[in-house]
Amino acid sequence: MRTVQMTLDDNLVQTVDRVAKYLHTTRSAFTREALHQAVARVKTQRLEEKHRKGYLNHPVSADEFGVWENEQKWGDE
C-alpha cells in the first residue's frame, strides 16, 4: 500500500471524518472504499455507453428475440 498526499477542502475533510467515525472506520479506509466505488461506477458507465453505442450502430430487429417467446415461463400458466 502507498501513502499519497491529497488536497481537500476543510469542509470535506470534516464531513469524511464524521462519517468515518459514525461507521467506526478510519479516514483512509473510508476514502479507499469511496475510491473503489467511484472506479467501479466509472467502469459501469463506460460499459453502458459502449452497449448504448453498439445498439445505436446495430439496432435490435423486430423479430430478434421472438424465437424465445414460447420458451418463457412466468409461473402463472
PDB file of N, CA and C in Angstrom:
ATOM      1  N   MET A   1       0.848  -1.172   0.000  1.00  0.00           N
ATOM      2  CA  MET A   1       0.000   0.000   0.000  1.00  0.00           C
ATOM      3  C   MET A   1       0.895   1.236   0.000  1.00  0.00           C
ATOM      4  N   ARG A   2       0.431   2.276  -0.664  1.00  0.00           N
ATOM      5  CA  ARG A   2       1.188   3.519  -0.750  1.00  0.00           C
ATOM      6  C   ARG A   2       0.488   4.611   0.049  1.00  0.00           C
ATOM      7  N   THR A   3       1.279   5.540   0.511  1.00  0.00           N
ATOM      8  CA  THR A   3       0.747   6.749   1.118  1.00  0.00           C
ATOM      9  C   THR A   3       0.759   7.830   0.050  1.00  0.00           C
ATOM     10  N   VAL A   4      -0.394   8.495  -0.127  1.00  0.00           N
ATOM     11  CA  VAL A   4      -0.487   9.569  -1.107  1.00  0.00           C
ATOM     12  C   VAL A   4      -0.955  10.831  -0.415  1.00  0.00           C
ATOM     13  N   GLN A   5      -0.549  11.943  -0.951  1.00  0.00           N
ATOM     14  CA  GLN A   5      -0.963  13.221  -0.406  1.00  0.00           C
ATOM     15  C   GLN A   5      -2.039  13.800  -1.308  1.00  0.00           C
ATOM     16  N   MET A   6      -3.121  14.279  -0.698  1.00  0.00           N
ATOM     17  CA  MET A   6      -4.228  14.851  -1.458  1.00  0.00           C
ATOM     18  C   MET A   6      -4.573  16.211  -0.870  1.00  0.00           C
ATOM     19  N   THR A   7      -5.108  17.069  -1.704  1.00  0.00           N
ATOM     20  CA  THR A   7      -5.581  18.365  -1.246  1.00  0.00           C
ATOM     21  C   THR A   7      -7.099  18.344  -1.263  1.00  0.00           C
ATOM     22  N   LEU A   8      -7.707  18.537  -0.099  1.00  0.00           N
ATOM     23  CA  LEU A   8      -9.161  18.537   0.047  1.00  0.00           C
ATOM     24  C   LEU A   8      -9.568  19.772   0.831  1.00  0.00           C
ATOM     25  N   ASP A   9     -10.764  20.275   0.537  1.00  0.00           N
ATOM     26  CA  ASP A   9     -11.193  21.431   1.311  1.00  0.00           C
ATOM     27  C   ASP A   9     -11.572  21.000   2.732  1.00  0.00           C
ATOM     28  N   ASP A  10     -11.477  21.934   3.652  1.00  0.00           N
ATOM     29  CA  ASP A  10     -11.679  21.642   5.071  1.00  0.00           C
ATOM     30  C   ASP A  10     -13.052  21.045   5.358  1.00  0.00           C
ATOM     31  N   ASN A  11     -14.092  21.558   4.699  1.00  0.00           N
ATOM     32  CA  ASN A  11     -15.442  21.036   4.951  1.00  0.00           C
ATOM     33  C   ASN A  11     -15.558  19.569   4.550  1.00  0.00           C
ATOM     34  N   LEU A  12     -14.942  19.196   3.446  1.00  0.00           N
ATOM     35  CA  LEU A  12     -14.990  17.805   3.015  1.00  0.00           C
ATOM     36  C   LEU A  12     -14.260  16.905   4.004  1.00  0.00           C
ATOM     37  N   VAL A  13     -13.111  17.330   4.464  1.00  0.00           N
ATOM     38  CA  VAL A  13     -12.359  16.537   5.438  1.00  0.00           C
ATOM     39  C   VAL A  13     -13.180  16.366   6.717  1.00  0.00           C
ATOM     40  N   GLN A  14     -13.805  17.416   7.182  1.00  0.00           N
ATOM     41  CA  GLN A  14     -14.630  17.326   8.384  1.00  0.00           C
ATOM     42  C   GLN A  14     -15.798  16.367   8.176  1.00  0.00           C
ATOM     43  N   THR A  15     -16.422  16.439   7.026  1.00  0.00           N
ATOM     44  CA  THR A  15     -17.543  15.549   6.726  1.00  0.00           C
ATOM     45  C   THR A  15     -17.077  14.097   6.662  1.00  0.00           C
ATOM     46  N   VAL A  16     -15.977  13.860   5.970  1.00  0.00           N
ATOM     47  CA  VAL A  16     -15.427  12.498   5.881  1.00  0.00           C
ATOM     48  C   VAL A  16     -15.082  11.978   7.268  1.00  0.00           C
ATOM     49  N   ASP A  17     -14.483  12.807   8.088  1.00  0.00           N
ATOM     50  CA  ASP A  17     -14.134  12.382   9.445  1.00  0.00           C
ATOM     51  C   ASP A  17     -15.370  12.018  10.258  1.00  0.00           C
ATOM     52  N   ARG A  18     -16.443  12.811  10.126  1.00  0.00           N
ATOM     53  CA  ARG A  18     -17.685  12.496  10.852  1.00  0.00           C
ATOM     54  C   ARG A  18     -18.272  11.173  10.382  1.00  0.00           C
ATOM     55  N   VAL A  19     -18.307  10.989   9.064  1.00  0.00           N
ATOM     56  CA  VAL A  19     -18.874   9.754   8.512  1.00  0.00           C
ATOM     57  C   VAL A  19     -18.006   8.552   8.893  1.00  0.00           C
ATOM     58  N   ALA A  20     -16.716   8.705   8.799  1.00  0.00           N
ATOM     59  CA  ALA A  20     -15.812   7.607   9.163  1.00  0.00           C
ATOM     60  C   ALA A  20     -16.000   7.227  10.634  1.00  0.00           C
ATOM     61  N   LYS A  21     -16.124   8.221  11.490  1.00  0.00           N
ATOM     62  CA  LYS A  21     -16.346   7.941  12.911  1.00  0.00           C
ATOM     63  C   LYS A  21     -17.669   7.209  13.112  1.00  0.00           C
ATOM     64  N   TYR A  22     -18.724   7.662  12.420  1.00  0.00           N
ATOM     65  CA  TYR A  22     -20.042   7.026  12.508  1.00  0.00           C
ATOM     66  C   TYR A  22     -19.967   5.559  12.067  1.00  0.00           C
ATOM     67  N   LEU A  23     -19.159   5.306  11.036  1.00  0.00           N
ATOM     68  CA  LEU A  23     -19.028   3.949  10.504  1.00  0.00           C
ATOM     69  C   LEU A  23     -17.971   3.119  11.233  1.00  0.00           C
ATOM     70  N   HIS A  24     -17.344   3.711  12.249  1.00  0.00           N
ATOM     71  CA  HIS A  24     -16.300   3.025  13.030  1.00  0.00           C
ATOM     72  C   HIS A  24     -15.158   2.551  12.128  1.00  0.00           C
ATOM     73  N   THR A  25     -14.693   3.461  11.314  1.00  0.00           N
ATOM     74  CA  THR A  25     -13.582   3.166  10.422  1.00  0.00           C
ATOM     75  C   THR A  25     -12.634   4.360  10.426  1.00  0.00           C
ATOM     76  N   THR A  26     -11.625   4.298   9.617  1.00  0.00           N
ATOM     77  CA  THR A  26     -10.665   5.406   9.545  1.00  0.00           C
ATOM     78  C   THR A  26     -10.928   6.246   8.300  1.00  0.00           C
ATOM     79  N   ARG A  27     -10.365   7.415   8.302  1.00  0.00           N
ATOM     80  CA  ARG A  27     -10.468   8.289   7.129  1.00  0.00           C
ATOM     81  C   ARG A  27      -9.885   7.578   5.901  1.00  0.00           C
ATOM     82  N   SER A  28      -8.746   6.941   6.073  1.00  0.00           N
ATOM     83  CA  SER A  28      -8.107   6.253   4.954  1.00  0.00           C
ATOM     84  C   SER A  28      -8.972   5.106   4.429  1.00  0.00           C
ATOM     85  N   ALA A  29      -9.500   4.286   5.335  1.00  0.00           N
ATOM     86  CA  ALA A  29     -10.330   3.153   4.918  1.00  0.00           C
ATOM     87  C   ALA A  29     -11.592   3.644   4.213  1.00  0.00           C
ATOM     88  N   PHE A  30     -12.206   4.682   4.764  1.00  0.00           N
ATOM     89  CA  PHE A  30     -13.405   5.236   4.145  1.00  0.00           C
ATOM     90  C   PHE A  30     -13.087   5.762   2.746  1.00  0.00           C
ATOM     91  N   THR A  31     -11.981   6.482   2.622  1.00  0.00           N
ATOM     92  CA  THR A  31     -11.595   7.062   1.343  1.00  0.00           C
ATOM     93  C   THR A  31     -11.254   5.977   0.327  1.00  0.00           C
ATOM     94  N   ARG A  32     -10.542   4.929   0.768  1.00  0.00           N
ATOM     95  CA  ARG A  32     -10.239   3.812  -0.135  1.00  0.00           C
ATOM     96  C   ARG A  32     -11.517   3.202  -0.683  1.00  0.00           C
ATOM     97  N   GLU A  33     -12.485   2.940   0.201  1.00  0.00           N
ATOM     98  CA  GLU A  33     -13.752   2.339  -0.233  1.00  0.00           C
ATOM     99  C   GLU A  33     -14.500   3.274  -1.183  1.00  0.00           C
ATOM    100  N   ALA A  34     -14.507   4.564  -0.875  1.00  0.00           N
ATOM    101  CA  ALA A  34     -15.174   5.530  -1.751  1.00  0.00           C
ATOM    102  C   ALA A  34     -14.518   5.552  -3.132  1.00  0.00           C
ATOM    103  N   LEU A  35     -13.207   5.480  -3.173  1.00  0.00           N
ATOM    104  CA  LEU A  35     -12.500   5.473  -4.454  1.00  0.00           C
ATOM    105  C   LEU A  35     -12.764   4.180  -5.221  1.00  0.00           C
ATOM    106  N   HIS A  36     -12.804   3.044  -4.530  1.00  0.00           N
ATOM    107  CA  HIS A  36     -13.146   1.772  -5.184  1.00  0.00           C
ATOM    108  C   HIS A  36     -14.541   1.863  -5.813  1.00  0.00           C
ATOM    109  N   GLN A  37     -15.479   2.406  -5.074  1.00  0.00           N
ATOM    110  CA  GLN A  37     -16.844   2.531  -5.590  1.00  0.00           C
ATOM    111  C   GLN A  37     -16.903   3.490  -6.778  1.00  0.00           C
ATOM    112  N   ALA A  38     -16.162   4.574  -6.711  1.00  0.00           N
ATOM    113  CA  ALA A  38     -16.144   5.536  -7.817  1.00  0.00           C
ATOM    114  C   ALA A  38     -15.555   4.911  -9.070  1.00  0.00           C
ATOM    115  N   VAL A  39     -14.474   4.151  -8.926  1.00  0.00           N
ATOM    116  CA  VAL A  39     -13.860   3.483 -10.076  1.00  0.00           C
ATOM    117  C   VAL A  39     -14.828   2.457 -10.670  1.00  0.00           C
ATOM    118  N   ALA A  40     -15.508   1.703  -9.824  1.00  0.00           N
ATOM    119  CA  ALA A  40     -16.481   0.712 -10.305  1.00  0.00           C
ATOM    120  C   ALA A  40     -17.624   1.403 -11.047  1.00  0.00           C
ATOM    121  N   ARG A  41     -18.076   2.547 -10.532  1.00  0.00           N
ATOM    122  CA  ARG A  41     -19.149   3.298 -11.185  1.00  0.00           C
ATOM    123  C   ARG A  41     -18.722   3.787 -12.564  1.00  0.00           C
ATOM    124  N   VAL A  42     -17.492   4.262 -12.676  1.00  0.00           N
ATOM    125  CA  VAL A  42     -16.977   4.721 -13.971  1.00  0.00           C
ATOM    126  C   VAL A  42     -16.895   3.544 -14.941  1.00  0.00           C
ATOM    127  N   LYS A  43     -16.432   2.390 -14.477  1.00  0.00           N
ATOM    128  CA  LYS A  43     -16.369   1.206 -15.343  1.00  0.00           C
ATOM    129  C   LYS A  43     -17.756   0.836 -15.844  1.00  0.00           C
ATOM    130  N   THR A  44     -18.732   0.854 -14.953  1.00  0.00           N
ATOM    131  CA  THR A  44     -20.108   0.527 -15.335  1.00  0.00           C
ATOM    132  C   THR A  44     -20.637   1.534 -16.348  1.00  0.00           C
ATOM    133  N   GLN A  45     -20.385   2.804 -16.118  1.00  0.00           N
ATOM    134  CA  GLN A  45     -20.840   3.838 -17.050  1.00  0.00           C
ATOM    135  C   GLN A  45     -20.199   3.662 -18.427  1.00  0.00           C
ATOM    136  N   ARG A  46     -18.928   3.298 -18.448  1.00  0.00           N
ATOM    137  CA  ARG A  46     -18.235   3.086 -19.726  1.00  0.00           C
ATOM    138  C   ARG A  46     -18.836   1.896 -20.474  1.00  0.00           C
ATOM    139  N   LEU A  47     -19.136   0.812 -19.753  1.00  0.00           N
ATOM    140  CA  LEU A  47     -19.758  -0.346 -20.389  1.00  0.00           C
ATOM    141  C   LEU A  47     -21.156  -0.016 -20.907  1.00  0.00           C
ATOM    142  N   GLU A  48     -21.926   0.725 -20.096  1.00  0.00           N
ATOM    143  CA  GLU A  48     -23.261   1.117 -20.536  1.00  0.00           C
ATOM    144  C   GLU A  48     -23.193   1.985 -21.789  1.00  0.00           C
ATOM    145  N   GLU A  49     -22.232   2.887 -21.841  1.00  0.00           N
ATOM    146  CA  GLU A  49     -22.057   3.734 -23.018  1.00  0.00           C
ATOM    147  C   GLU A  49     -21.648   2.893 -24.230  1.00  0.00           C
ATOM    148  N   LYS A  50     -20.766   1.933 -24.007  1.00  0.00           N
ATOM    149  CA  LYS A  50     -20.341   1.038 -25.080  1.00  0.00           C
ATOM    150  C   LYS A  50     -21.538   0.246 -25.615  1.00  0.00           C
ATOM    151  N   HIS A  51     -22.360  -0.272 -24.716  1.00  0.00           N
ATOM    152  CA  HIS A  51     -23.546  -1.020 -25.137  1.00  0.00           C
ATOM    153  C   HIS A  51     -24.535  -0.114 -25.871  1.00  0.00           C
ATOM    154  N   ARG A  52     -24.735   1.096 -25.354  1.00  0.00           N
ATOM    155  CA  ARG A  52     -25.645   2.030 -25.995  1.00  0.00           C
ATOM    156  C   ARG A  52     -25.197   2.325 -27.425  1.00  0.00           C
ATOM    157  N   LYS A  53     -23.906   2.596 -27.594  1.00  0.00           N
ATOM    158  CA  LYS A  53     -23.377   2.863 -28.935  1.00  0.00           C
ATOM    159  C   LYS A  53     -23.513   1.637 -29.831  1.00  0.00           C
ATOM    160  N   GLY A  54     -23.307   0.464 -29.266  1.00  0.00           N
ATOM    161  CA  GLY A  54     -23.450  -0.757 -30.042  1.00  0.00           C
ATOM    162  C   GLY A  54     -24.867  -0.939 -30.548  1.00  0.00           C
ATOM    163  N   TYR A  55     -25.852  -0.687 -29.673  1.00  0.00           N
ATOM    164  CA  TYR A  55     -27.245  -0.818 -30.094  1.00  0.00           C
ATOM    165  C   TYR A  55     -27.653   0.293 -31.065  1.00  0.00           C
ATOM    166  N   LEU A  56     -27.038   1.464 -30.957  1.00  0.00           N
ATOM    167  CA  LEU A  56     -27.309   2.517 -31.943  1.00  0.00           C
ATOM    168  C   LEU A  56     -26.765   2.131 -33.312  1.00  0.00           C
ATOM    169  N   ASN A  57     -25.581   1.510 -33.313  1.00  0.00           N
ATOM    170  CA  ASN A  57     -24.967   1.090 -34.578  1.00  0.00           C
ATOM    171  C   ASN A  57     -25.603  -0.169 -35.156  1.00  0.00           C
ATOM    172  N   HIS A  58     -26.108  -1.034 -34.272  1.00  0.00           N
ATOM    173  CA  HIS A  58     -26.720  -2.309 -34.695  1.00  0.00           C
ATOM    174  C   HIS A  58     -28.011  -2.507 -33.906  1.00  0.00           C
ATOM    175  N   PRO A  59     -29.081  -1.815 -34.282  1.00  0.00           N
ATOM    176  CA  PRO A  59     -30.336  -1.908 -33.525  1.00  0.00           C
ATOM    177  C   PRO A  59     -30.906  -3.330 -33.525  1.00  0.00           C
ATOM    178  N   VAL A  60     -31.661  -3.615 -32.487  1.00  0.00           N
ATOM    179  CA  VAL A  60     -32.338  -4.903 -32.386  1.00  0.00           C
ATOM    180  C   VAL A  60     -33.417  -4.954 -33.449  1.00  0.00           C
ATOM    181  N   SER A  61     -33.473  -6.065 -34.188  1.00  0.00           N
ATOM    182  CA  SER A  61     -34.527  -6.207 -35.195  1.00  0.00           C
ATOM    183  C   SER A  61     -35.824  -6.605 -34.499  1.00  0.00           C
ATOM    184  N   ALA A  62     -36.927  -6.363 -35.156  1.00  0.00           N
ATOM    185  CA  ALA A  62     -38.248  -6.592 -34.570  1.00  0.00           C
ATOM    186  C   ALA A  62     -38.447  -8.036 -34.138  1.00  0.00           C
ATOM    187  N   ASP A  63     -37.871  -8.986 -34.850  1.00  0.00           N
ATOM    188  CA  ASP A  63     -38.095 -10.398 -34.522  1.00  0.00           C
ATOM    189  C   ASP A  63     -36.875 -11.068 -33.892  1.00  0.00           C
ATOM    190  N   GLU A  64     -35.907 -10.285 -33.466  1.00  0.00           N
ATOM    191  CA  GLU A  64     -34.659 -10.846 -32.963  1.00  0.00           C
ATOM    192  C   GLU A  64     -34.848 -11.758 -31.750  1.00  0.00           C
ATOM    193  N   PHE A  65     -35.744 -11.396 -30.861  1.00  0.00           N
ATOM    194  CA  PHE A  65     -35.934 -12.197 -29.652  1.00  0.00           C
ATOM    195  C   PHE A  65     -37.247 -12.976 -29.676  1.00  0.00           C
ATOM    196  N   GLY A  66     -38.005 -12.844 -30.748  1.00  0.00           N
ATOM    197  CA  GLY A  66     -39.292 -13.516 -30.845  1.00  0.00           C
ATOM    198  C   GLY A  66     -39.197 -15.027 -30.746  1.00  0.00           C
ATOM    199  N   VAL A  67     -38.094 -15.595 -31.212  1.00  0.00           N
ATOM    200  CA  VAL A  67     -37.915 -17.043 -31.191  1.00  0.00           C
ATOM    201  C   VAL A  67     -37.956 -17.587 -29.757  1.00  0.00           C
ATOM    202  N   TRP A  68     -37.684 -16.757 -28.750  1.00  0.00           N
ATOM    203  CA  TRP A  68     -37.647 -17.200 -27.359  1.00  0.00           C
ATOM    204  C   TRP A  68     -38.972 -17.016 -26.634  1.00  0.00           C
ATOM    205  N   GLU A  69     -39.952 -16.376 -27.248  1.00  0.00           N
ATOM    206  CA  GLU A  69     -41.213 -16.094 -26.559  1.00  0.00           C
ATOM    207  C   GLU A  69     -41.914 -17.356 -26.068  1.00  0.00           C
ATOM    208  N   ASN A  70     -41.866 -18.429 -26.834  1.00  0.00           N
ATOM    209  CA  ASN A  70     -42.515 -19.659 -26.416  1.00  0.00           C
ATOM    210  C   ASN A  70     -41.761 -20.371 -25.303  1.00  0.00           C
ATOM    211  N   GLU A  71     -40.514 -19.995 -25.089  1.00  0.00           N
ATOM    212  CA  GLU A  71     -39.690 -20.617 -24.045  1.00  0.00           C
ATOM    213  C   GLU A  71     -39.871 -19.961 -22.680  1.00  0.00           C
ATOM    214  N   GLN A  72     -40.458 -18.791 -22.646  1.00  0.00           N
ATOM    215  CA  GLN A  72     -40.608 -18.044 -21.391  1.00  0.00           C
ATOM    216  C   GLN A  72     -41.681 -18.674 -20.523  1.00  0.00           C
ATOM    217  N   LYS A  73     -41.367 -18.813 -19.249  1.00  0.00           N
ATOM    218  CA  LYS A  73     -42.334 -19.324 -18.275  1.00  0.00           C
ATOM    219  C   LYS A  73     -42.454 -18.285 -17.164  1.00  0.00           C
ATOM    220  N   TRP A  74     -43.638 -17.786 -16.952  1.00  0.00           N
ATOM    221  CA  TRP A  74     -43.852 -16.730 -15.972  1.00  0.00           C
ATOM    222  C   TRP A  74     -44.468 -17.251 -14.688  1.00  0.00           C
ATOM    223  N   GLY A  75     -44.746 -18.540 -14.594  1.00  0.00           N
ATOM    224  CA  GLY A  75     -45.244 -19.124 -13.350  1.00  0.00           C
ATOM    225  C   GLY A  75     -46.742 -19.039 -13.181  1.00  0.00           C
ATOM    226  N   ASP A  76     -47.472 -18.350 -14.038  1.00  0.00           N
ATOM    227  CA  ASP A  76     -48.917 -18.221 -13.887  1.00  0.00           C
ATOM    228  C   ASP A  76     -49.648 -19.016 -14.963  1.00  0.00           C
ATOM    229  N   GLU A  77     -48.961 -19.877 -15.647  1.00  0.00           N
ATOM    230  CA  GLU A  77     -49.560 -20.672 -16.732  1.00  0.00           C
ATOM    231  C   GLU A  77     -49.919 -22.053 -16.256  1.00  0.00           C
TER     232      GLU A  77
END
